[in-house]
Amino acid sequence: MKYFQSIIFLLAFFIAACAPNNPEQPVSNEDPQTPPQTGDYIPSPADGGLTRGEVFLDSTDLLTLESYPLQFNLTLKGNLPTPCHQLRIAVNPPDTENKIVVDVYSLVNPGEVCIQVLDPFEVNYPLGSFPQGTYSLWINGEMVAEFEA
């Protein structure tokens, strides 16, 4: 009988240990390290008081998603000058020569004191789809890819 009581006690202990502390508080499955959404990289009017800075790009990749119509994603890997810098990505629509110009830069509050250490990032930025044709992709003045849509 004592063995049976010990098993019941252990089961109750493990069940209680797995339960949330406050059953009325919703439990979030969201990872706190989730990277910002694409909208966080788009320039906004609130950026007016910030100073423009550099971005150190290590690699750029254009990914073609198997969908109809074809969808394209831009993968950027690099470093921001400090953890206080915020990444911005401005994508211009294709011009008359089907040239897509992407401006990648950072913004920082000029009055903010920040540790001087590089802040690595990796971003998958959706470019969307384009009408049928041949396009060239330019990032910060450098052609990085040509592709067919």
N, C-alpha and C. Protein backbone atom coordinates (compact mmCIF):
# COMPACT_ATOMS: atom_id res chain seq x y z
N MET A 1 0.82 -1.19 0.00
CA MET A 1 0.00 0.00 0.00
C MET A 1 0.87 1.26 0.00
N LYS A 2 1.97 1.22 0.78
CA LYS A 2 2.85 2.37 0.84
C LYS A 2 3.47 2.65 -0.53
N TYR A 3 3.77 1.61 -1.29
CA TYR A 3 4.32 1.74 -2.64
C TYR A 3 3.31 2.45 -3.55
N PHE A 4 2.06 2.08 -3.47
CA PHE A 4 1.00 2.67 -4.27
C PHE A 4 0.83 4.15 -3.92
N GLN A 5 0.88 4.50 -2.64
CA GLN A 5 0.76 5.89 -2.21
C GLN A 5 1.94 6.73 -2.73
N SER A 6 3.11 6.13 -2.74
CA SER A 6 4.29 6.83 -3.24
C SER A 6 4.15 7.15 -4.73
N ILE A 7 3.63 6.23 -5.49
CA ILE A 7 3.43 6.44 -6.93
C ILE A 7 2.40 7.54 -7.16
N ILE A 8 1.30 7.51 -6.41
CA ILE A 8 0.26 8.54 -6.53
C ILE A 8 0.85 9.91 -6.18
N PHE A 9 1.64 9.97 -5.11
CA PHE A 9 2.26 11.23 -4.70
C PHE A 9 3.19 11.76 -5.79
N LEU A 10 4.02 10.89 -6.36
CA LEU A 10 4.94 11.33 -7.42
C LEU A 10 4.19 11.82 -8.66
N LEU A 11 3.13 11.10 -9.05
CA LEU A 11 2.33 11.54 -10.20
C LEU A 11 1.71 12.90 -9.94
N ALA A 12 1.16 13.11 -8.76
CA ALA A 12 0.55 14.40 -8.41
C ALA A 12 1.60 15.50 -8.41
N PHE A 13 2.79 15.18 -7.92
CA PHE A 13 3.88 16.15 -7.88
C PHE A 13 4.28 16.58 -9.29
N PHE A 14 4.44 15.62 -10.21
CA PHE A 14 4.84 15.94 -11.58
C PHE A 14 3.75 16.70 -12.32
N ILE A 15 2.52 16.37 -12.08
CA ILE A 15 1.42 17.09 -12.73
C ILE A 15 1.37 18.53 -12.23
N ALA A 16 1.54 18.72 -10.93
CA ALA A 16 1.52 20.07 -10.37
C ALA A 16 2.72 20.88 -10.85
N ALA A 17 3.85 20.23 -11.02
CA ALA A 17 5.06 20.94 -11.47
C ALA A 17 4.92 21.43 -12.90
N CYS A 18 4.14 20.73 -13.71
CA CYS A 18 3.97 21.10 -15.12
C CYS A 18 2.89 22.15 -15.32
N ALA A 19 2.08 22.39 -14.33
CA ALA A 19 0.98 23.35 -14.46
C ALA A 19 1.51 24.78 -14.38
N PRO A 20 0.87 25.74 -15.08
CA PRO A 20 1.31 27.13 -14.97
C PRO A 20 1.08 27.67 -13.57
N ASN A 21 1.87 28.69 -13.19
CA ASN A 21 1.74 29.27 -11.85
C ASN A 21 0.39 29.91 -11.64
N ASN A 22 -0.11 30.63 -12.64
CA ASN A 22 -1.38 31.30 -12.54
C ASN A 22 -2.28 30.78 -13.66
N PRO A 23 -3.26 29.93 -13.33
CA PRO A 23 -4.09 29.35 -14.39
C PRO A 23 -4.92 30.38 -15.13
N GLU A 24 -5.18 31.57 -14.55
CA GLU A 24 -5.95 32.60 -15.26
C GLU A 24 -5.09 33.36 -16.26
N GLN A 25 -3.77 33.31 -16.10
CA GLN A 25 -2.86 34.01 -17.00
C GLN A 25 -2.58 33.12 -18.21
N PRO A 26 -2.79 33.62 -19.44
CA PRO A 26 -2.54 32.78 -20.61
C PRO A 26 -1.05 32.44 -20.74
N VAL A 27 -0.80 31.24 -21.20
CA VAL A 27 0.57 30.79 -21.40
C VAL A 27 0.93 31.07 -22.85
N SER A 28 2.05 31.73 -23.06
CA SER A 28 2.49 32.08 -24.41
C SER A 28 3.50 31.06 -24.90
N ASN A 29 3.30 30.58 -26.12
CA ASN A 29 4.26 29.68 -26.75
C ASN A 29 5.26 30.45 -27.59
N GLU A 30 5.17 31.78 -27.57
CA GLU A 30 6.03 32.62 -28.40
C GLU A 30 7.42 32.69 -27.80
N ASP A 31 8.41 32.53 -28.63
CA ASP A 31 9.80 32.61 -28.22
C ASP A 31 10.17 34.06 -27.99
N PRO A 32 10.73 34.42 -26.82
CA PRO A 32 11.09 35.81 -26.59
C PRO A 32 12.21 36.29 -27.50
N GLN A 33 12.94 35.37 -28.15
CA GLN A 33 14.02 35.75 -29.05
C GLN A 33 13.54 35.88 -30.49
N THR A 34 12.22 35.88 -30.71
CA THR A 34 11.68 35.99 -32.06
C THR A 34 12.15 37.27 -32.71
N PRO A 35 12.72 37.19 -33.93
CA PRO A 35 13.20 38.40 -34.58
C PRO A 35 12.04 39.32 -34.94
N PRO A 36 12.30 40.60 -35.11
CA PRO A 36 11.26 41.54 -35.48
C PRO A 36 10.62 41.18 -36.81
N GLN A 37 9.39 41.60 -36.99
CA GLN A 37 8.68 41.35 -38.23
C GLN A 37 9.18 42.31 -39.31
N THR A 38 8.85 42.00 -40.55
CA THR A 38 9.30 42.79 -41.69
C THR A 38 8.96 44.26 -41.53
N GLY A 39 7.80 44.56 -40.98
CA GLY A 39 7.38 45.95 -40.79
C GLY A 39 8.33 46.74 -39.91
N ASP A 40 9.08 46.06 -39.05
CA ASP A 40 10.03 46.73 -38.17
C ASP A 40 11.23 47.27 -38.93
N TYR A 41 11.44 46.83 -40.15
CA TYR A 41 12.59 47.26 -40.94
C TYR A 41 12.24 48.36 -41.93
N ILE A 42 10.97 48.64 -42.12
CA ILE A 42 10.52 49.63 -43.09
C ILE A 42 10.73 51.04 -42.52
N PRO A 43 11.33 51.95 -43.29
CA PRO A 43 11.47 53.33 -42.82
C PRO A 43 10.10 53.93 -42.49
N SER A 44 10.06 54.75 -41.43
CA SER A 44 8.80 55.36 -41.01
C SER A 44 9.02 56.83 -40.68
N PRO A 45 7.95 57.61 -40.60
CA PRO A 45 8.09 59.03 -40.24
C PRO A 45 8.72 59.23 -38.87
N ALA A 46 8.60 58.26 -37.98
CA ALA A 46 9.18 58.37 -36.63
C ALA A 46 10.70 58.32 -36.67
N ASP A 47 11.28 57.96 -37.80
CA ASP A 47 12.74 57.88 -37.93
C ASP A 47 13.39 59.25 -38.07
N GLY A 48 12.59 60.31 -38.20
CA GLY A 48 13.11 61.65 -38.48
C GLY A 48 14.14 62.16 -37.49
N GLY A 49 14.02 61.84 -36.21
CA GLY A 49 14.95 62.34 -35.21
C GLY A 49 16.18 61.47 -35.03
N LEU A 50 16.30 60.42 -35.81
CA LEU A 50 17.42 59.49 -35.68
C LEU A 50 18.50 59.79 -36.72
N THR A 51 19.72 59.39 -36.42
CA THR A 51 20.85 59.60 -37.32
C THR A 51 21.10 58.34 -38.14
N ARG A 52 21.32 58.53 -39.42
CA ARG A 52 21.57 57.40 -40.32
C ARG A 52 22.99 56.89 -40.12
N GLY A 53 23.12 55.55 -40.10
CA GLY A 53 24.43 54.93 -39.92
C GLY A 53 24.66 53.82 -40.92
N GLU A 54 25.78 53.17 -40.77
CA GLU A 54 26.18 52.11 -41.69
C GLU A 54 25.57 50.77 -41.30
N VAL A 55 25.65 49.85 -42.25
CA VAL A 55 25.38 48.43 -42.03
C VAL A 55 26.50 47.69 -42.72
N PHE A 56 27.05 46.70 -42.06
CA PHE A 56 28.14 45.91 -42.63
C PHE A 56 27.56 44.58 -43.11
N LEU A 57 27.31 44.48 -44.43
CA LEU A 57 26.72 43.27 -44.99
C LEU A 57 27.80 42.24 -45.28
N ASP A 58 27.60 41.03 -44.76
CA ASP A 58 28.53 39.93 -45.02
C ASP A 58 28.06 39.10 -46.20
N SER A 59 26.73 38.90 -46.32
CA SER A 59 26.23 38.12 -47.45
C SER A 59 24.80 38.54 -47.77
N THR A 60 24.45 38.38 -49.04
CA THR A 60 23.10 38.63 -49.52
C THR A 60 22.71 37.46 -50.42
N ASP A 61 21.52 36.97 -50.25
CA ASP A 61 21.01 35.87 -51.08
C ASP A 61 19.59 36.19 -51.51
N LEU A 62 19.28 35.88 -52.75
CA LEU A 62 17.93 36.02 -53.26
C LEU A 62 17.33 34.62 -53.34
N LEU A 63 16.24 34.41 -52.64
CA LEU A 63 15.58 33.11 -52.63
C LEU A 63 14.30 33.19 -53.45
N THR A 64 14.07 32.17 -54.28
CA THR A 64 12.85 32.07 -55.07
C THR A 64 11.97 31.01 -54.43
N LEU A 65 10.78 31.40 -54.02
CA LEU A 65 9.85 30.46 -53.41
C LEU A 65 9.05 29.75 -54.50
N GLU A 66 8.83 28.49 -54.30
CA GLU A 66 8.07 27.70 -55.28
C GLU A 66 6.59 27.97 -55.09
N SER A 67 6.12 28.99 -55.75
CA SER A 67 4.71 29.37 -55.66
C SER A 67 4.30 29.95 -57.00
N TYR A 68 3.01 30.18 -57.14
CA TYR A 68 2.53 30.85 -58.34
C TYR A 68 1.67 32.02 -57.92
N PRO A 69 2.00 33.23 -58.29
CA PRO A 69 3.21 33.61 -59.01
C PRO A 69 4.44 33.45 -58.11
N LEU A 70 5.62 33.45 -58.76
CA LEU A 70 6.85 33.30 -58.00
C LEU A 70 6.98 34.42 -56.97
N GLN A 71 7.40 34.04 -55.77
CA GLN A 71 7.66 34.99 -54.69
C GLN A 71 9.16 35.01 -54.43
N PHE A 72 9.69 36.17 -54.06
CA PHE A 72 11.12 36.30 -53.82
C PHE A 72 11.38 36.84 -52.42
N ASN A 73 12.38 36.26 -51.76
CA ASN A 73 12.83 36.71 -50.45
C ASN A 73 14.29 37.10 -50.53
N LEU A 74 14.65 38.11 -49.78
CA LEU A 74 16.02 38.57 -49.70
C LEU A 74 16.56 38.20 -48.32
N THR A 75 17.67 37.45 -48.29
CA THR A 75 18.31 37.09 -47.03
C THR A 75 19.55 37.94 -46.87
N LEU A 76 19.59 38.68 -45.78
CA LEU A 76 20.72 39.56 -45.48
C LEU A 76 21.38 39.11 -44.18
N LYS A 77 22.70 38.97 -44.21
CA LYS A 77 23.48 38.66 -43.02
C LYS A 77 24.55 39.71 -42.87
N GLY A 78 24.73 40.20 -41.66
CA GLY A 78 25.74 41.21 -41.45
C GLY A 78 25.77 41.68 -40.02
N ASN A 79 26.26 42.89 -39.84
CA ASN A 79 26.40 43.47 -38.50
C ASN A 79 25.96 44.93 -38.50
N LEU A 80 25.32 45.32 -37.41
CA LEU A 80 25.03 46.72 -37.14
C LEU A 80 26.20 47.27 -36.33
N PRO A 81 26.49 48.57 -36.43
CA PRO A 81 27.65 49.13 -35.72
C PRO A 81 27.59 48.96 -34.20
N THR A 82 26.38 49.04 -33.62
CA THR A 82 26.20 48.84 -32.18
C THR A 82 24.84 48.21 -31.94
N PRO A 83 24.59 47.68 -30.76
CA PRO A 83 23.25 47.15 -30.45
C PRO A 83 22.17 48.24 -30.44
N CYS A 84 22.57 49.51 -30.35
CA CYS A 84 21.59 50.60 -30.33
C CYS A 84 21.10 50.97 -31.73
N HIS A 85 21.81 50.54 -32.77
CA HIS A 85 21.39 50.83 -34.14
C HIS A 85 20.21 49.94 -34.52
N GLN A 86 19.29 50.51 -35.29
CA GLN A 86 18.12 49.79 -35.77
C GLN A 86 18.25 49.59 -37.28
N LEU A 87 17.98 48.38 -37.74
CA LEU A 87 18.09 48.06 -39.16
C LEU A 87 16.90 48.63 -39.93
N ARG A 88 17.18 49.19 -41.10
CA ARG A 88 16.15 49.66 -42.02
C ARG A 88 16.42 49.10 -43.41
N ILE A 89 15.35 48.70 -44.09
CA ILE A 89 15.43 48.18 -45.45
C ILE A 89 14.38 48.90 -46.28
N ALA A 90 14.83 49.64 -47.28
CA ALA A 90 13.93 50.37 -48.17
C ALA A 90 14.03 49.76 -49.57
N VAL A 91 12.93 49.18 -50.04
CA VAL A 91 12.90 48.53 -51.35
C VAL A 91 12.10 49.40 -52.30
N ASN A 92 12.75 49.81 -53.39
CA ASN A 92 12.08 50.61 -54.41
C ASN A 92 11.47 49.68 -55.45
N PRO A 93 10.32 50.05 -56.00
CA PRO A 93 9.75 49.21 -57.06
C PRO A 93 10.66 49.21 -58.28
N PRO A 94 10.52 48.22 -59.15
CA PRO A 94 11.37 48.16 -60.36
C PRO A 94 11.21 49.42 -61.20
N ASP A 95 12.35 49.92 -61.73
CA ASP A 95 12.28 51.08 -62.61
C ASP A 95 12.00 50.62 -64.04
N THR A 96 12.16 51.50 -65.00
CA THR A 96 11.85 51.17 -66.39
C THR A 96 12.80 50.13 -66.97
N GLU A 97 13.98 49.95 -66.35
CA GLU A 97 14.95 48.94 -66.80
C GLU A 97 14.86 47.67 -65.95
N ASN A 98 13.79 47.53 -65.17
CA ASN A 98 13.59 46.39 -64.25
C ASN A 98 14.71 46.27 -63.22
N LYS A 99 15.20 47.40 -62.79
CA LYS A 99 16.24 47.46 -61.77
C LYS A 99 15.54 47.70 -60.42
N ILE A 100 15.77 46.79 -59.47
CA ILE A 100 15.19 46.91 -58.14
C ILE A 100 16.31 47.38 -57.20
N VAL A 101 16.13 48.56 -56.64
CA VAL A 101 17.15 49.14 -55.76
C VAL A 101 16.71 48.99 -54.31
N VAL A 102 17.59 48.38 -53.51
CA VAL A 102 17.34 48.17 -52.09
C VAL A 102 18.38 48.96 -51.31
N ASP A 103 17.90 49.75 -50.38
CA ASP A 103 18.79 50.54 -49.52
C ASP A 103 18.75 49.93 -48.12
N VAL A 104 19.89 49.43 -47.65
CA VAL A 104 19.99 48.82 -46.33
C VAL A 104 20.89 49.72 -45.49
N TYR A 105 20.35 50.19 -44.36
CA TYR A 105 21.10 51.10 -43.51
C TYR A 105 20.64 50.95 -42.07
N SER A 106 21.26 51.71 -41.18
CA SER A 106 20.86 51.66 -39.77
C SER A 106 20.52 53.06 -39.30
N LEU A 107 19.78 53.12 -38.21
CA LEU A 107 19.44 54.38 -37.57
C LEU A 107 19.79 54.28 -36.09
N VAL A 108 20.20 55.41 -35.51
CA VAL A 108 20.54 55.43 -34.09
C VAL A 108 20.15 56.78 -33.51
N ASN A 109 19.78 56.77 -32.25
CA ASN A 109 19.49 58.00 -31.53
C ASN A 109 20.82 58.66 -31.21
N PRO A 110 21.07 59.89 -31.70
CA PRO A 110 22.38 60.50 -31.51
C PRO A 110 22.72 60.79 -30.05
N GLY A 111 21.74 60.93 -29.19
CA GLY A 111 22.00 61.22 -27.79
C GLY A 111 22.15 59.99 -26.91
N GLU A 112 22.01 58.82 -27.50
CA GLU A 112 22.05 57.58 -26.73
C GLU A 112 23.49 57.08 -26.60
N VAL A 113 23.87 56.71 -25.38
CA VAL A 113 25.19 56.13 -25.14
C VAL A 113 25.06 54.63 -25.29
N CYS A 114 25.98 54.05 -26.07
CA CYS A 114 25.85 52.63 -26.37
C CYS A 114 27.22 51.97 -26.38
N ILE A 115 27.24 50.71 -26.00
CA ILE A 115 28.48 49.94 -26.04
C ILE A 115 28.95 49.81 -27.49
N GLN A 116 30.24 49.92 -27.71
CA GLN A 116 30.80 49.88 -29.07
C GLN A 116 31.19 48.45 -29.42
N VAL A 117 30.20 47.69 -29.85
CA VAL A 117 30.41 46.31 -30.25
C VAL A 117 29.47 46.01 -31.42
N LEU A 118 29.94 45.25 -32.38
CA LEU A 118 29.09 44.90 -33.53
C LEU A 118 27.92 44.04 -33.08
N ASP A 119 26.77 44.27 -33.69
CA ASP A 119 25.56 43.53 -33.37
C ASP A 119 25.14 42.73 -34.61
N PRO A 120 25.38 41.40 -34.61
CA PRO A 120 25.07 40.60 -35.81
C PRO A 120 23.56 40.49 -36.04
N PHE A 121 23.19 40.36 -37.32
CA PHE A 121 21.79 40.15 -37.67
C PHE A 121 21.71 39.21 -38.87
N GLU A 122 20.56 38.57 -38.99
CA GLU A 122 20.20 37.77 -40.17
C GLU A 122 18.72 38.00 -40.39
N VAL A 123 18.37 38.49 -41.57
CA VAL A 123 17.00 38.87 -41.88
C VAL A 123 16.56 38.20 -43.17
N ASN A 124 15.36 37.65 -43.17
CA ASN A 124 14.70 37.19 -44.39
C ASN A 124 13.60 38.19 -44.69
N TYR A 125 13.79 38.95 -45.75
CA TYR A 125 12.89 40.04 -46.09
C TYR A 125 12.12 39.70 -47.36
N PRO A 126 10.78 39.63 -47.29
CA PRO A 126 10.01 39.29 -48.49
C PRO A 126 9.95 40.46 -49.48
N LEU A 127 10.32 40.17 -50.72
CA LEU A 127 10.24 41.17 -51.78
C LEU A 127 8.91 41.09 -52.52
N GLY A 128 8.23 39.95 -52.42
CA GLY A 128 6.95 39.77 -53.10
C GLY A 128 7.13 39.17 -54.48
N SER A 129 6.19 39.49 -55.37
CA SER A 129 6.25 38.96 -56.73
C SER A 129 6.35 40.13 -57.71
N PHE A 130 6.77 39.81 -58.92
CA PHE A 130 6.96 40.81 -59.95
C PHE A 130 6.34 40.32 -61.25
N PRO A 131 5.95 41.26 -62.15
CA PRO A 131 5.46 40.85 -63.46
C PRO A 131 6.56 40.10 -64.22
N GLN A 132 6.14 39.31 -65.19
CA GLN A 132 7.09 38.50 -65.95
C GLN A 132 8.16 39.39 -66.59
N GLY A 133 9.42 38.94 -66.47
CA GLY A 133 10.52 39.70 -67.04
C GLY A 133 11.84 39.34 -66.37
N THR A 134 12.91 40.01 -66.81
CA THR A 134 14.24 39.84 -66.23
C THR A 134 14.54 41.05 -65.37
N TYR A 135 14.99 40.81 -64.15
CA TYR A 135 15.23 41.87 -63.18
C TYR A 135 16.66 41.81 -62.66
N SER A 136 17.15 42.98 -62.24
CA SER A 136 18.44 43.03 -61.53
C SER A 136 18.17 43.60 -60.14
N LEU A 137 18.85 43.03 -59.15
CA LEU A 137 18.68 43.45 -57.77
C LEU A 137 19.95 44.15 -57.31
N TRP A 138 19.80 45.39 -56.85
CA TRP A 138 20.92 46.22 -56.40
C TRP A 138 20.75 46.52 -54.93
N ILE A 139 21.79 46.26 -54.14
CA ILE A 139 21.76 46.56 -52.71
C ILE A 139 22.89 47.53 -52.40
N ASN A 140 22.53 48.68 -51.88
CA ASN A 140 23.49 49.73 -51.53
C ASN A 140 24.45 50.04 -52.69
N GLY A 141 23.88 50.13 -53.90
CA GLY A 141 24.66 50.52 -55.05
C GLY A 141 25.43 49.41 -55.75
N GLU A 142 25.29 48.18 -55.29
CA GLU A 142 26.01 47.05 -55.88
C GLU A 142 25.02 46.01 -56.39
N MET A 143 25.21 45.57 -57.64
CA MET A 143 24.32 44.54 -58.17
C MET A 143 24.67 43.20 -57.53
N VAL A 144 23.65 42.55 -56.96
CA VAL A 144 23.87 41.29 -56.26
C VAL A 144 23.21 40.10 -56.94
N ALA A 145 22.24 40.36 -57.84
CA ALA A 145 21.56 39.23 -58.49
C ALA A 145 20.80 39.70 -59.72
N GLU A 146 20.65 38.76 -60.66
CA GLU A 146 19.73 38.91 -61.78
C GLU A 146 18.80 37.72 -61.72
N PHE A 147 17.52 37.95 -62.00
CA PHE A 147 16.57 36.85 -61.91
C PHE A 147 15.42 37.04 -62.88
N GLU A 148 14.76 35.94 -63.16
CA GLU A 148 13.57 35.91 -64.03
C GLU A 148 12.33 35.74 -63.18
N ALA A 149 11.33 36.52 -63.48
CA ALA A 149 10.06 36.39 -62.77
C ALA A 149 9.01 35.85 -63.73
